[in-house]
Amino acid sequence: MATYKEIGQRLRKRRLDLKLTQAEVAEKIEKSSGYYSHLENGTREMGVQTLMRISAFFCLSIDYILTGTHVDESKGGNPKIAQINFKLAHMSDDALDTLSDYIDFMNKHK
């Protein structure tokens, strides 16, 4: 099993790959930036709920976060997908509907 410091290093790497601040990640996982900073520094444990939120937000498997050995490609291990998810989270419902219509249009006209 990995140490908290190793887990924190993986979280930091992913956050930096996505060009996000600790405050941005903390907001998305509904935690304080201080708490998230402790996670990256390996000085705090995280509960299952927090682990699941981080996994979903970063599009990383829980296996990878905990062990560093497995990236779940089906969840979109690609950092670009996580960047898009972050941007989508800030859009209005109307904008999301428009974007969804555009994606449907693009898929029909490949």
PDB file of N, CA and C in Angstrom:
ATOM      1  N   MET A   1       0.844  -1.187   0.000  1.00  0.00           N
ATOM      2  CA  MET A   1       0.000   0.000   0.000  1.00  0.00           C
ATOM      3  C   MET A   1       0.883   1.242   0.000  1.00  0.00           C
ATOM      4  N   ALA A   2       0.465   2.229  -0.722  1.00  0.00           N
ATOM      5  CA  ALA A   2       1.222   3.467  -0.847  1.00  0.00           C
ATOM      6  C   ALA A   2       1.114   4.292   0.427  1.00  0.00           C
ATOM      7  N   THR A   3       2.091   5.148   0.625  1.00  0.00           N
ATOM      8  CA  THR A   3       2.033   6.081   1.747  1.00  0.00           C
ATOM      9  C   THR A   3       1.181   7.283   1.364  1.00  0.00           C
ATOM     10  N   TYR A   4       0.737   8.034   2.365  1.00  0.00           N
ATOM     11  CA  TYR A   4      -0.048   9.235   2.088  1.00  0.00           C
ATOM     12  C   TYR A   4       0.761  10.232   1.266  1.00  0.00           C
ATOM     13  N   LYS A   5       2.067  10.261   1.490  1.00  0.00           N
ATOM     14  CA  LYS A   5       2.926  11.167   0.724  1.00  0.00           C
ATOM     15  C   LYS A   5       2.924  10.793  -0.763  1.00  0.00           C
ATOM     16  N   GLU A   6       2.973   9.496  -1.070  1.00  0.00           N
ATOM     17  CA  GLU A   6       2.935   9.038  -2.464  1.00  0.00           C
ATOM     18  C   GLU A   6       1.585   9.356  -3.106  1.00  0.00           C
ATOM     19  N   ILE A   7       0.517   9.162  -2.352  1.00  0.00           N
ATOM     20  CA  ILE A   7      -0.816   9.501  -2.869  1.00  0.00           C
ATOM     21  C   ILE A   7      -0.873  10.995  -3.164  1.00  0.00           C
ATOM     22  N   GLY A   8      -0.376  11.785  -2.230  1.00  0.00           N
ATOM     23  CA  GLY A   8      -0.354  13.235  -2.412  1.00  0.00           C
ATOM     24  C   GLY A   8       0.444  13.660  -3.635  1.00  0.00           C
ATOM     25  N   GLN A   9       1.553  12.982  -3.888  1.00  0.00           N
ATOM     26  CA  GLN A   9       2.368  13.298  -5.071  1.00  0.00           C
ATOM     27  C   GLN A   9       1.594  13.036  -6.354  1.00  0.00           C
ATOM     28  N   ARG A  10       0.812  11.945  -6.378  1.00  0.00           N
ATOM     29  CA  ARG A  10       0.004  11.654  -7.568  1.00  0.00           C
ATOM     30  C   ARG A  10      -1.088  12.716  -7.749  1.00  0.00           C
ATOM     31  N   LEU A  11      -1.714  13.130  -6.650  1.00  0.00           N
ATOM     32  CA  LEU A  11      -2.740  14.175  -6.741  1.00  0.00           C
ATOM     33  C   LEU A  11      -2.131  15.477  -7.249  1.00  0.00           C
ATOM     34  N   ARG A  12      -0.986  15.849  -6.712  1.00  0.00           N
ATOM     35  CA  ARG A  12      -0.321  17.086  -7.134  1.00  0.00           C
ATOM     36  C   ARG A  12       0.029  17.031  -8.622  1.00  0.00           C
ATOM     37  N   LYS A  13       0.588  15.895  -9.059  1.00  0.00           N
ATOM     38  CA  LYS A  13       0.971  15.763 -10.468  1.00  0.00           C
ATOM     39  C   LYS A  13      -0.237  15.950 -11.370  1.00  0.00           C
ATOM     40  N   ARG A  14      -1.345  15.294 -11.016  1.00  0.00           N
ATOM     41  CA  ARG A  14      -2.549  15.401 -11.843  1.00  0.00           C
ATOM     42  C   ARG A  14      -3.063  16.841 -11.877  1.00  0.00           C
ATOM     43  N   ARG A  15      -3.084  17.479 -10.705  1.00  0.00           N
ATOM     44  CA  ARG A  15      -3.560  18.860 -10.633  1.00  0.00           C
ATOM     45  C   ARG A  15      -2.694  19.770 -11.501  1.00  0.00           C
ATOM     46  N   LEU A  16      -1.391  19.604 -11.419  1.00  0.00           N
ATOM     47  CA  LEU A  16      -0.490  20.434 -12.223  1.00  0.00           C
ATOM     48  C   LEU A  16      -0.615  20.117 -13.710  1.00  0.00           C
ATOM     49  N   ASP A  17      -0.808  18.840 -14.049  1.00  0.00           N
ATOM     50  CA  ASP A  17      -1.028  18.467 -15.454  1.00  0.00           C
ATOM     51  C   ASP A  17      -2.253  19.181 -16.017  1.00  0.00           C
ATOM     52  N   LEU A  18      -3.253  19.390 -15.150  1.00  0.00           N
ATOM     53  CA  LEU A  18      -4.497  20.037 -15.572  1.00  0.00           C
ATOM     54  C   LEU A  18      -4.449  21.556 -15.437  1.00  0.00           C
ATOM     55  N   LYS A  19      -3.305  22.048 -14.946  1.00  0.00           N
ATOM     56  CA  LYS A  19      -3.108  23.496 -14.779  1.00  0.00           C
ATOM     57  C   LYS A  19      -4.175  24.112 -13.855  1.00  0.00           C
ATOM     58  N   LEU A  20      -4.424  23.428 -12.749  1.00  0.00           N
ATOM     59  CA  LEU A  20      -5.407  23.883 -11.777  1.00  0.00           C
ATOM     60  C   LEU A  20      -4.714  24.286 -10.486  1.00  0.00           C
ATOM     61  N   THR A  21      -5.357  25.150  -9.722  1.00  0.00           N
ATOM     62  CA  THR A  21      -4.855  25.515  -8.405  1.00  0.00           C
ATOM     63  C   THR A  21      -5.442  24.560  -7.372  1.00  0.00           C
ATOM     64  N   GLN A  22      -4.822  24.540  -6.208  1.00  0.00           N
ATOM     65  CA  GLN A  22      -5.379  23.732  -5.126  1.00  0.00           C
ATOM     66  C   GLN A  22      -6.774  24.229  -4.762  1.00  0.00           C
ATOM     67  N   ALA A  23      -6.975  25.527  -4.796  1.00  0.00           N
ATOM     68  CA  ALA A  23      -8.289  26.098  -4.460  1.00  0.00           C
ATOM     69  C   ALA A  23      -9.360  25.627  -5.443  1.00  0.00           C
ATOM     70  N   GLU A  24      -9.019  25.545  -6.728  1.00  0.00           N
ATOM     71  CA  GLU A  24      -9.993  25.088  -7.732  1.00  0.00           C
ATOM     72  C   GLU A  24     -10.385  23.633  -7.481  1.00  0.00           C
ATOM     73  N   VAL A  25      -9.391  22.792  -7.186  1.00  0.00           N
ATOM     74  CA  VAL A  25      -9.686  21.386  -6.916  1.00  0.00           C
ATOM     75  C   VAL A  25     -10.515  21.271  -5.639  1.00  0.00           C
ATOM     76  N   ALA A  26     -10.110  21.990  -4.602  1.00  0.00           N
ATOM     77  CA  ALA A  26     -10.828  21.929  -3.321  1.00  0.00           C
ATOM     78  C   ALA A  26     -12.295  22.306  -3.498  1.00  0.00           C
ATOM     79  N   GLU A  27     -12.556  23.334  -4.288  1.00  0.00           N
ATOM     80  CA  GLU A  27     -13.936  23.748  -4.531  1.00  0.00           C
ATOM     81  C   GLU A  27     -14.732  22.630  -5.190  1.00  0.00           C
ATOM     82  N   LYS A  28     -14.144  21.972  -6.175  1.00  0.00           N
ATOM     83  CA  LYS A  28     -14.859  20.917  -6.912  1.00  0.00           C
ATOM     84  C   LYS A  28     -15.113  19.676  -6.064  1.00  0.00           C
ATOM     85  N   ILE A  29     -14.234  19.399  -5.093  1.00  0.00           N
ATOM     86  CA  ILE A  29     -14.443  18.221  -4.249  1.00  0.00           C
ATOM     87  C   ILE A  29     -15.113  18.597  -2.926  1.00  0.00           C
ATOM     88  N   GLU A  30     -15.516  19.865  -2.843  1.00  0.00           N
ATOM     89  CA  GLU A  30     -16.258  20.381  -1.681  1.00  0.00           C
ATOM     90  C   GLU A  30     -15.482  20.260  -0.380  1.00  0.00           C
ATOM     91  N   LYS A  31     -14.213  20.656  -0.435  1.00  0.00           N
ATOM     92  CA  LYS A  31     -13.336  20.689   0.741  1.00  0.00           C
ATOM     93  C   LYS A  31     -12.624  22.034   0.769  1.00  0.00           C
ATOM     94  N   SER A  32     -12.009  22.358   1.887  1.00  0.00           N
ATOM     95  CA  SER A  32     -11.248  23.609   1.970  1.00  0.00           C
ATOM     96  C   SER A  32      -9.920  23.445   1.242  1.00  0.00           C
ATOM     97  N   SER A  33      -9.361  24.552   0.800  1.00  0.00           N
ATOM     98  CA  SER A  33      -8.067  24.474   0.114  1.00  0.00           C
ATOM     99  C   SER A  33      -6.977  24.017   1.085  1.00  0.00           C
ATOM    100  N   GLY A  34      -7.113  24.365   2.369  1.00  0.00           N
ATOM    101  CA  GLY A  34      -6.146  23.904   3.370  1.00  0.00           C
ATOM    102  C   GLY A  34      -6.160  22.392   3.514  1.00  0.00           C
ATOM    103  N   TYR A  35      -7.360  21.825   3.544  1.00  0.00           N
ATOM    104  CA  TYR A  35      -7.492  20.372   3.639  1.00  0.00           C
ATOM    105  C   TYR A  35      -6.875  19.708   2.408  1.00  0.00           C
ATOM    106  N   TYR A  36      -7.200  20.245   1.223  1.00  0.00           N
ATOM    107  CA  TYR A  36      -6.650  19.644   0.003  1.00  0.00           C
ATOM    108  C   TYR A  36      -5.125  19.757  -0.013  1.00  0.00           C
ATOM    109  N   SER A  37      -4.602  20.876   0.462  1.00  0.00           N
ATOM    110  CA  SER A  37      -3.150  21.046   0.545  1.00  0.00           C
ATOM    111  C   SER A  37      -2.534  19.952   1.416  1.00  0.00           C
ATOM    112  N   HIS A  38      -3.188  19.645   2.540  1.00  0.00           N
ATOM    113  CA  HIS A  38      -2.703  18.560   3.408  1.00  0.00           C
ATOM    114  C   HIS A  38      -2.709  17.222   2.670  1.00  0.00           C
ATOM    115  N   LEU A  39      -3.720  16.988   1.837  1.00  0.00           N
ATOM    116  CA  LEU A  39      -3.753  15.738   1.077  1.00  0.00           C
ATOM    117  C   LEU A  39      -2.552  15.652   0.147  1.00  0.00           C
ATOM    118  N   GLU A  40      -2.273  16.737  -0.571  1.00  0.00           N
ATOM    119  CA  GLU A  40      -1.133  16.724  -1.491  1.00  0.00           C
ATOM    120  C   GLU A  40       0.195  16.583  -0.753  1.00  0.00           C
ATOM    121  N   ASN A  41       0.270  17.110   0.456  1.00  0.00           N
ATOM    122  CA  ASN A  41       1.505  17.011   1.238  1.00  0.00           C
ATOM    123  C   ASN A  41       1.622  15.693   1.989  1.00  0.00           C
ATOM    124  N   GLY A  42       0.559  14.887   1.952  1.00  0.00           N
ATOM    125  CA  GLY A  42       0.586  13.594   2.607  1.00  0.00           C
ATOM    126  C   GLY A  42       0.470  13.663   4.119  1.00  0.00           C
ATOM    127  N   THR A  43      -0.104  14.764   4.618  1.00  0.00           N
ATOM    128  CA  THR A  43      -0.206  14.934   6.067  1.00  0.00           C
ATOM    129  C   THR A  43      -1.610  14.686   6.611  1.00  0.00           C
ATOM    130  N   ARG A  44      -2.557  14.344   5.739  1.00  0.00           N
ATOM    131  CA  ARG A  44      -3.932  14.032   6.160  1.00  0.00           C
ATOM    132  C   ARG A  44      -4.419  12.811   5.409  1.00  0.00           C
ATOM    133  N   GLU A  45      -5.285  12.069   6.062  1.00  0.00           N
ATOM    134  CA  GLU A  45      -5.978  10.961   5.412  1.00  0.00           C
ATOM    135  C   GLU A  45      -7.215  11.515   4.726  1.00  0.00           C
ATOM    136  N   MET A  46      -7.739  10.753   3.782  1.00  0.00           N
ATOM    137  CA  MET A  46      -9.013  11.141   3.175  1.00  0.00           C
ATOM    138  C   MET A  46     -10.000  10.005   3.338  1.00  0.00           C
ATOM    139  N   GLY A  47     -11.263  10.383   3.480  1.00  0.00           N
ATOM    140  CA  GLY A  47     -12.317   9.397   3.584  1.00  0.00           C
ATOM    141  C   GLY A  47     -12.701   8.863   2.216  1.00  0.00           C
ATOM    142  N   VAL A  48     -13.529   7.856   2.227  1.00  0.00           N
ATOM    143  CA  VAL A  48     -13.976   7.218   0.991  1.00  0.00           C
ATOM    144  C   VAL A  48     -14.712   8.212   0.092  1.00  0.00           C
ATOM    145  N   GLN A  49     -15.567   9.035   0.689  1.00  0.00           N
ATOM    146  CA  GLN A  49     -16.330  10.019  -0.096  1.00  0.00           C
ATOM    147  C   GLN A  49     -15.388  10.983  -0.820  1.00  0.00           C
ATOM    148  N   THR A  50     -14.379  11.464  -0.109  1.00  0.00           N
ATOM    149  CA  THR A  50     -13.414  12.386  -0.720  1.00  0.00           C
ATOM    150  C   THR A  50     -12.622  11.689  -1.813  1.00  0.00           C
ATOM    151  N   LEU A  51     -12.206  10.463  -1.559  1.00  0.00           N
ATOM    152  CA  LEU A  51     -11.488   9.686  -2.571  1.00  0.00           C
ATOM    153  C   LEU A  51     -12.333   9.528  -3.827  1.00  0.00           C
ATOM    154  N   MET A  52     -13.609   9.247  -3.656  1.00  0.00           N
ATOM    155  CA  MET A  52     -14.497   9.086  -4.813  1.00  0.00           C
ATOM    156  C   MET A  52     -14.659  10.408  -5.570  1.00  0.00           C
ATOM    157  N   ARG A  53     -14.778  11.512  -4.859  1.00  0.00           N
ATOM    158  CA  ARG A  53     -14.904  12.820  -5.524  1.00  0.00           C
ATOM    159  C   ARG A  53     -13.639  13.157  -6.300  1.00  0.00           C
ATOM    160  N   ILE A  54     -12.489  12.905  -5.697  1.00  0.00           N
ATOM    161  CA  ILE A  54     -11.222  13.187  -6.375  1.00  0.00           C
ATOM    162  C   ILE A  54     -11.084  12.303  -7.609  1.00  0.00           C
ATOM    163  N   SER A  55     -11.418  11.028  -7.462  1.00  0.00           N
ATOM    164  CA  SER A  55     -11.343  10.095  -8.590  1.00  0.00           C
ATOM    165  C   SER A  55     -12.207  10.575  -9.748  1.00  0.00           C
ATOM    166  N   ALA A  56     -13.452  10.962  -9.446  1.00  0.00           N
ATOM    167  CA  ALA A  56     -14.367  11.424 -10.497  1.00  0.00           C
ATOM    168  C   ALA A  56     -13.885  12.730 -11.114  1.00  0.00           C
ATOM    169  N   PHE A  57     -13.471  13.670 -10.286  1.00  0.00           N
ATOM    170  CA  PHE A  57     -13.055  14.973 -10.802  1.00  0.00           C
ATOM    171  C   PHE A  57     -11.803  14.856 -11.667  1.00  0.00           C
ATOM    172  N   PHE A  58     -10.817  14.109 -11.202  1.00  0.00           N
ATOM    173  CA  PHE A  58      -9.560  13.979 -11.942  1.00  0.00           C
ATOM    174  C   PHE A  58      -9.632  12.929 -13.050  1.00  0.00           C
ATOM    175  N   CYS A  59     -10.749  12.197 -13.141  1.00  0.00           N
ATOM    176  CA  CYS A  59     -10.874  11.116 -14.130  1.00  0.00           C
ATOM    177  C   CYS A  59      -9.730  10.111 -13.975  1.00  0.00           C
ATOM    178  N   LEU A  60      -9.485   9.736 -12.731  1.00  0.00           N
ATOM    179  CA  LEU A  60      -8.472   8.737 -12.413  1.00  0.00           C
ATOM    180  C   LEU A  60      -9.137   7.609 -11.644  1.00  0.00           C
ATOM    181  N   SER A  61      -8.658   6.399 -11.846  1.00  0.00           N
ATOM    182  CA  SER A  61      -9.215   5.283 -11.084  1.00  0.00           C
ATOM    183  C   SER A  61      -8.744   5.375  -9.634  1.00  0.00           C
ATOM    184  N   ILE A  62      -9.544   4.838  -8.752  1.00  0.00           N
ATOM    185  CA  ILE A  62      -9.155   4.772  -7.344  1.00  0.00           C
ATOM    186  C   ILE A  62      -7.895   3.929  -7.209  1.00  0.00           C
ATOM    187  N   ASP A  63      -7.775   2.868  -8.016  1.00  0.00           N
ATOM    188  CA  ASP A  63      -6.557   2.050  -8.022  1.00  0.00           C
ATOM    189  C   ASP A  63      -5.324   2.915  -8.252  1.00  0.00           C
ATOM    190  N   TYR A  64      -5.388   3.770  -9.247  1.00  0.00           N
ATOM    191  CA  TYR A  64      -4.228   4.602  -9.561  1.00  0.00           C
ATOM    192  C   TYR A  64      -3.922   5.570  -8.420  1.00  0.00           C
ATOM    193  N   ILE A  65      -4.950   6.208  -7.879  1.00  0.00           N
ATOM    194  CA  ILE A  65      -4.722   7.156  -6.792  1.00  0.00           C
ATOM    195  C   ILE A  65      -4.042   6.461  -5.612  1.00  0.00           C
ATOM    196  N   LEU A  66      -4.516   5.279  -5.265  1.00  0.00           N
ATOM    197  CA  LEU A  66      -3.990   4.584  -4.095  1.00  0.00           C
ATOM    198  C   LEU A  66      -2.668   3.876  -4.338  1.00  0.00           C
ATOM    199  N   THR A  67      -2.488   3.300  -5.529  1.00  0.00           N
ATOM    200  CA  THR A  67      -1.302   2.470  -5.755  1.00  0.00           C
ATOM    201  C   THR A  67      -0.351   3.008  -6.816  1.00  0.00           C
ATOM    202  N   GLY A  68      -0.857   3.853  -7.684  1.00  0.00           N
ATOM    203  CA  GLY A  68      -0.015   4.380  -8.757  1.00  0.00           C
ATOM    204  C   GLY A  68       0.203   3.416  -9.894  1.00  0.00           C
ATOM    205  N   THR A  69      -0.555   2.332  -9.936  1.00  0.00           N
ATOM    206  CA  THR A  69      -0.274   1.301 -10.938  1.00  0.00           C
ATOM    207  C   THR A  69      -1.313   1.133 -12.023  1.00  0.00           C
ATOM    208  N   HIS A  70      -2.464   1.767 -11.904  1.00  0.00           N
ATOM    209  CA  HIS A  70      -3.500   1.512 -12.892  1.00  0.00           C
ATOM    210  C   HIS A  70      -4.253   2.783 -13.212  1.00  0.00           C
ATOM    211  N   VAL A  71      -4.295   3.148 -14.477  1.00  0.00           N
ATOM    212  CA  VAL A  71      -5.120   4.262 -14.922  1.00  0.00           C
ATOM    213  C   VAL A  71      -6.287   3.665 -15.688  1.00  0.00           C
ATOM    214  N   ASP A  72      -7.486   3.980 -15.256  1.00  0.00           N
ATOM    215  CA  ASP A  72      -8.691   3.435 -15.885  1.00  0.00           C
ATOM    216  C   ASP A  72      -9.007   4.251 -17.138  1.00  0.00           C
ATOM    217  N   GLU A  73      -8.565   3.763 -18.283  1.00  0.00           N
ATOM    218  CA  GLU A  73      -8.765   4.494 -19.536  1.00  0.00           C
ATOM    219  C   GLU A  73     -10.239   4.695 -19.856  1.00  0.00           C
ATOM    220  N   SER A  74     -11.095   3.767 -19.411  1.00  0.00           N
ATOM    221  CA  SER A  74     -12.517   3.912 -19.712  1.00  0.00           C
ATOM    222  C   SER A  74     -13.117   5.116 -18.993  1.00  0.00           C
ATOM    223  N   LYS A  75     -12.473   5.591 -17.924  1.00  0.00           N
ATOM    224  CA  LYS A  75     -12.951   6.779 -17.221  1.00  0.00           C
ATOM    225  C   LYS A  75     -12.331   8.036 -17.804  1.00  0.00           C
ATOM    226  N   GLY A  76     -11.515   7.901 -18.811  1.00  0.00           N
ATOM    227  CA  GLY A  76     -10.946   9.086 -19.429  1.00  0.00           C
ATOM    228  C   GLY A  76      -9.677   9.536 -18.762  1.00  0.00           C
ATOM    229  N   GLY A  77      -8.712   8.657 -18.618  1.00  0.00           N
ATOM    230  CA  GLY A  77      -7.449   8.995 -17.996  1.00  0.00           C
ATOM    231  C   GLY A  77      -6.731  10.145 -18.673  1.00  0.00           C
ATOM    232  N   ASN A  78      -7.223  10.581 -19.793  1.00  0.00           N
ATOM    233  CA  ASN A  78      -6.642  11.678 -20.547  1.00  0.00           C
ATOM    234  C   ASN A  78      -6.875  13.009 -19.820  1.00  0.00           C
ATOM    235  N   PRO A  79      -5.810  13.757 -19.514  1.00  0.00           N
ATOM    236  CA  PRO A  79      -5.978  15.037 -18.818  1.00  0.00           C
ATOM    237  C   PRO A  79      -6.873  16.023 -19.561  1.00  0.00           C
ATOM    238  N   LYS A  80      -6.927  15.950 -20.877  1.00  0.00           N
ATOM    239  CA  LYS A  80      -7.779  16.870 -21.631  1.00  0.00           C
ATOM    240  C   LYS A  80      -9.259  16.667 -21.282  1.00  0.00           C
ATOM    241  N   ILE A  81      -9.650  15.423 -21.037  1.00  0.00           N
ATOM    242  CA  ILE A  81     -11.038  15.150 -20.671  1.00  0.00           C
ATOM    243  C   ILE A  81     -11.341  15.761 -19.306  1.00  0.00           C
ATOM    244  N   ALA A  82     -10.419  15.640 -18.386  1.00  0.00           N
ATOM    245  CA  ALA A  82     -10.626  16.243 -17.062  1.00  0.00           C
ATOM    246  C   ALA A  82     -10.697  17.766 -17.162  1.00  0.00           C
ATOM    247  N   GLN A  83      -9.886  18.366 -18.035  1.00  0.00           N
ATOM    248  CA  GLN A  83      -9.953  19.818 -18.232  1.00  0.00           C
ATOM    249  C   GLN A  83     -11.327  20.225 -18.767  1.00  0.00           C
ATOM    250  N   ILE A  84     -11.838  19.460 -19.716  1.00  0.00           N
ATOM    251  CA  ILE A  84     -13.163  19.756 -20.280  1.00  0.00           C
ATOM    252  C   ILE A  84     -14.229  19.585 -19.201  1.00  0.00           C
ATOM    253  N   ASN A  85     -14.133  18.520 -18.393  1.00  0.00           N
ATOM    254  CA  ASN A  85     -15.096  18.324 -17.305  1.00  0.00           C
ATOM    255  C   ASN A  85     -15.093  19.508 -16.354  1.00  0.00           C
ATOM    256  N   PHE A  86     -13.918  20.028 -16.055  1.00  0.00           N
ATOM    257  CA  PHE A  86     -13.814  21.179 -15.152  1.00  0.00           C
ATOM    258  C   PHE A  86     -14.520  22.385 -15.762  1.00  0.00           C
ATOM    259  N   LYS A  87     -14.316  22.626 -17.050  1.00  0.00           N
ATOM    260  CA  LYS A  87     -14.967  23.753 -17.723  1.00  0.00           C
ATOM    261  C   LYS A  87     -16.481  23.563 -17.774  1.00  0.00           C
ATOM    262  N   LEU A  88     -16.921  22.333 -18.018  1.00  0.00           N
ATOM    263  CA  LEU A  88     -18.355  22.056 -18.083  1.00  0.00           C
ATOM    264  C   LEU A  88     -19.049  22.339 -16.754  1.00  0.00           C
ATOM    265  N   ALA A  89     -18.346  22.083 -15.676  1.00  0.00           N
ATOM    266  CA  ALA A  89     -18.939  22.273 -14.350  1.00  0.00           C
ATOM    267  C   ALA A  89     -19.305  23.724 -14.083  1.00  0.00           C
ATOM    268  N   HIS A  90     -18.716  24.642 -14.839  1.00  0.00           N
ATOM    269  CA  HIS A  90     -18.967  26.071 -14.638  1.00  0.00           C
ATOM    270  C   HIS A  90     -19.972  26.647 -15.633  1.00  0.00           C
ATOM    271  N   MET A  91     -20.538  25.820 -16.484  1.00  0.00           N
ATOM    272  CA  MET A  91     -21.463  26.307 -17.504  1.00  0.00           C
ATOM    273  C   MET A  91     -22.905  26.275 -17.003  1.00  0.00           C
ATOM    274  N   SER A  92     -23.713  27.173 -17.541  1.00  0.00           N
ATOM    275  CA  SER A  92     -25.138  27.189 -17.203  1.00  0.00           C
ATOM    276  C   SER A  92     -25.840  26.009 -17.871  1.00  0.00           C
ATOM    277  N   ASP A  93     -27.047  25.711 -17.400  1.00  0.00           N
ATOM    278  CA  ASP A  93     -27.823  24.625 -18.008  1.00  0.00           C
ATOM    279  C   ASP A  93     -28.126  24.910 -19.473  1.00  0.00           C
ATOM    280  N   ASP A  94     -28.436  26.167 -19.801  1.00  0.00           N
ATOM    281  CA  ASP A  94     -28.707  26.522 -21.195  1.00  0.00           C
ATOM    282  C   ASP A  94     -27.481  26.284 -22.072  1.00  0.00           C
ATOM    283  N   ALA A  95     -26.319  26.672 -21.577  1.00  0.00           N
ATOM    284  CA  ALA A  95     -25.091  26.473 -22.343  1.00  0.00           C
ATOM    285  C   ALA A  95     -24.802  24.983 -22.514  1.00  0.00           C
ATOM    286  N   LEU A  96     -25.059  24.203 -21.467  1.00  0.00           N
ATOM    287  CA  LEU A  96     -24.847  22.750 -21.564  1.00  0.00           C
ATOM    288  C   LEU A  96     -25.791  22.119 -22.582  1.00  0.00           C
ATOM    289  N   ASP A  97     -27.047  22.602 -22.627  1.00  0.00           N
ATOM    290  CA  ASP A  97     -28.002  22.094 -23.618  1.00  0.00           C
ATOM    291  C   ASP A  97     -27.523  22.406 -25.037  1.00  0.00           C
ATOM    292  N   THR A  98     -27.050  23.620 -25.239  1.00  0.00           N
ATOM    293  CA  THR A  98     -26.537  24.026 -26.552  1.00  0.00           C
ATOM    294  C   THR A  98     -25.338  23.178 -26.944  1.00  0.00           C
ATOM    295  N   LEU A  99     -24.440  22.972 -25.999  1.00  0.00           N
ATOM    296  CA  LEU A  99     -23.254  22.159 -26.263  1.00  0.00           C
ATOM    297  C   LEU A  99     -23.643  20.715 -26.589  1.00  0.00           C
ATOM    298  N   SER A 100     -24.602  20.178 -25.859  1.00  0.00           N
ATOM    299  CA  SER A 100     -25.068  18.823 -26.119  1.00  0.00           C
ATOM    300  C   SER A 100     -25.647  18.703 -27.532  1.00  0.00           C
ATOM    301  N   ASP A 101     -26.433  19.695 -27.943  1.00  0.00           N
ATOM    302  CA  ASP A 101     -26.987  19.709 -29.301  1.00  0.00           C
ATOM    303  C   ASP A 101     -25.864  19.755 -30.339  1.00  0.00           C
ATOM    304  N   TYR A 102     -24.838  20.553 -30.067  1.00  0.00           N
ATOM    305  CA  TYR A 102     -23.706  20.673 -30.990  1.00  0.00           C
ATOM    306  C   TYR A 102     -22.966  19.333 -31.102  1.00  0.00           C
ATOM    307  N   ILE A 103     -22.755  18.673 -29.981  1.00  0.00           N
ATOM    308  CA  ILE A 103     -22.073  17.372 -30.004  1.00  0.00           C
ATOM    309  C   ILE A 103     -22.886  16.357 -30.803  1.00  0.00           C
ATOM    310  N   ASP A 104     -24.210  16.353 -30.596  1.00  0.00           N
ATOM    311  CA  ASP A 104     -25.072  15.458 -31.377  1.00  0.00           C
ATOM    312  C   ASP A 104     -24.936  15.747 -32.871  1.00  0.00           C
ATOM    313  N   PHE A 105     -24.945  17.038 -33.230  1.00  0.00           N
ATOM    314  CA  PHE A 105     -24.798  17.437 -34.629  1.00  0.00           C
ATOM    315  C   PHE A 105     -23.465  16.943 -35.193  1.00  0.00           C
ATOM    316  N   MET A 106     -22.374  17.151 -34.446  1.00  0.00           N
ATOM    317  CA  MET A 106     -21.056  16.742 -34.913  1.00  0.00           C
ATOM    318  C   MET A 106     -20.955  15.227 -35.079  1.00  0.00           C
ATOM    319  N   ASN A 107     -21.584  14.482 -34.188  1.00  0.00           N
ATOM    320  CA  ASN A 107     -21.544  13.022 -34.287  1.00  0.00           C
ATOM    321  C   ASN A 107     -22.323  12.506 -35.498  1.00  0.00           C
ATOM    322  N   LYS A 108     -23.367  13.218 -35.886  1.00  0.00           N
ATOM    323  CA  LYS A 108     -24.145  12.815 -37.061  1.00  0.00           C
ATOM    324  C   LYS A 108     -23.406  13.119 -38.359  1.00  0.00           C
ATOM    325  N   HIS A 109     -22.507  14.080 -38.337  1.00  0.00           N
ATOM    326  CA  HIS A 109     -21.815  14.539 -39.553  1.00  0.00           C
ATOM    327  C   HIS A 109     -20.320  14.262 -39.517  1.00  0.00           C
ATOM    328  N   LYS A 110     -19.963  13.088 -39.037  1.00  0.00           N
ATOM    329  CA  LYS A 110     -18.542  12.703 -38.976  1.00  0.00           C
ATOM    330  C   LYS A 110     -17.968  12.541 -40.351  1.00  0.00           C
TER     331      LYS A 110
END
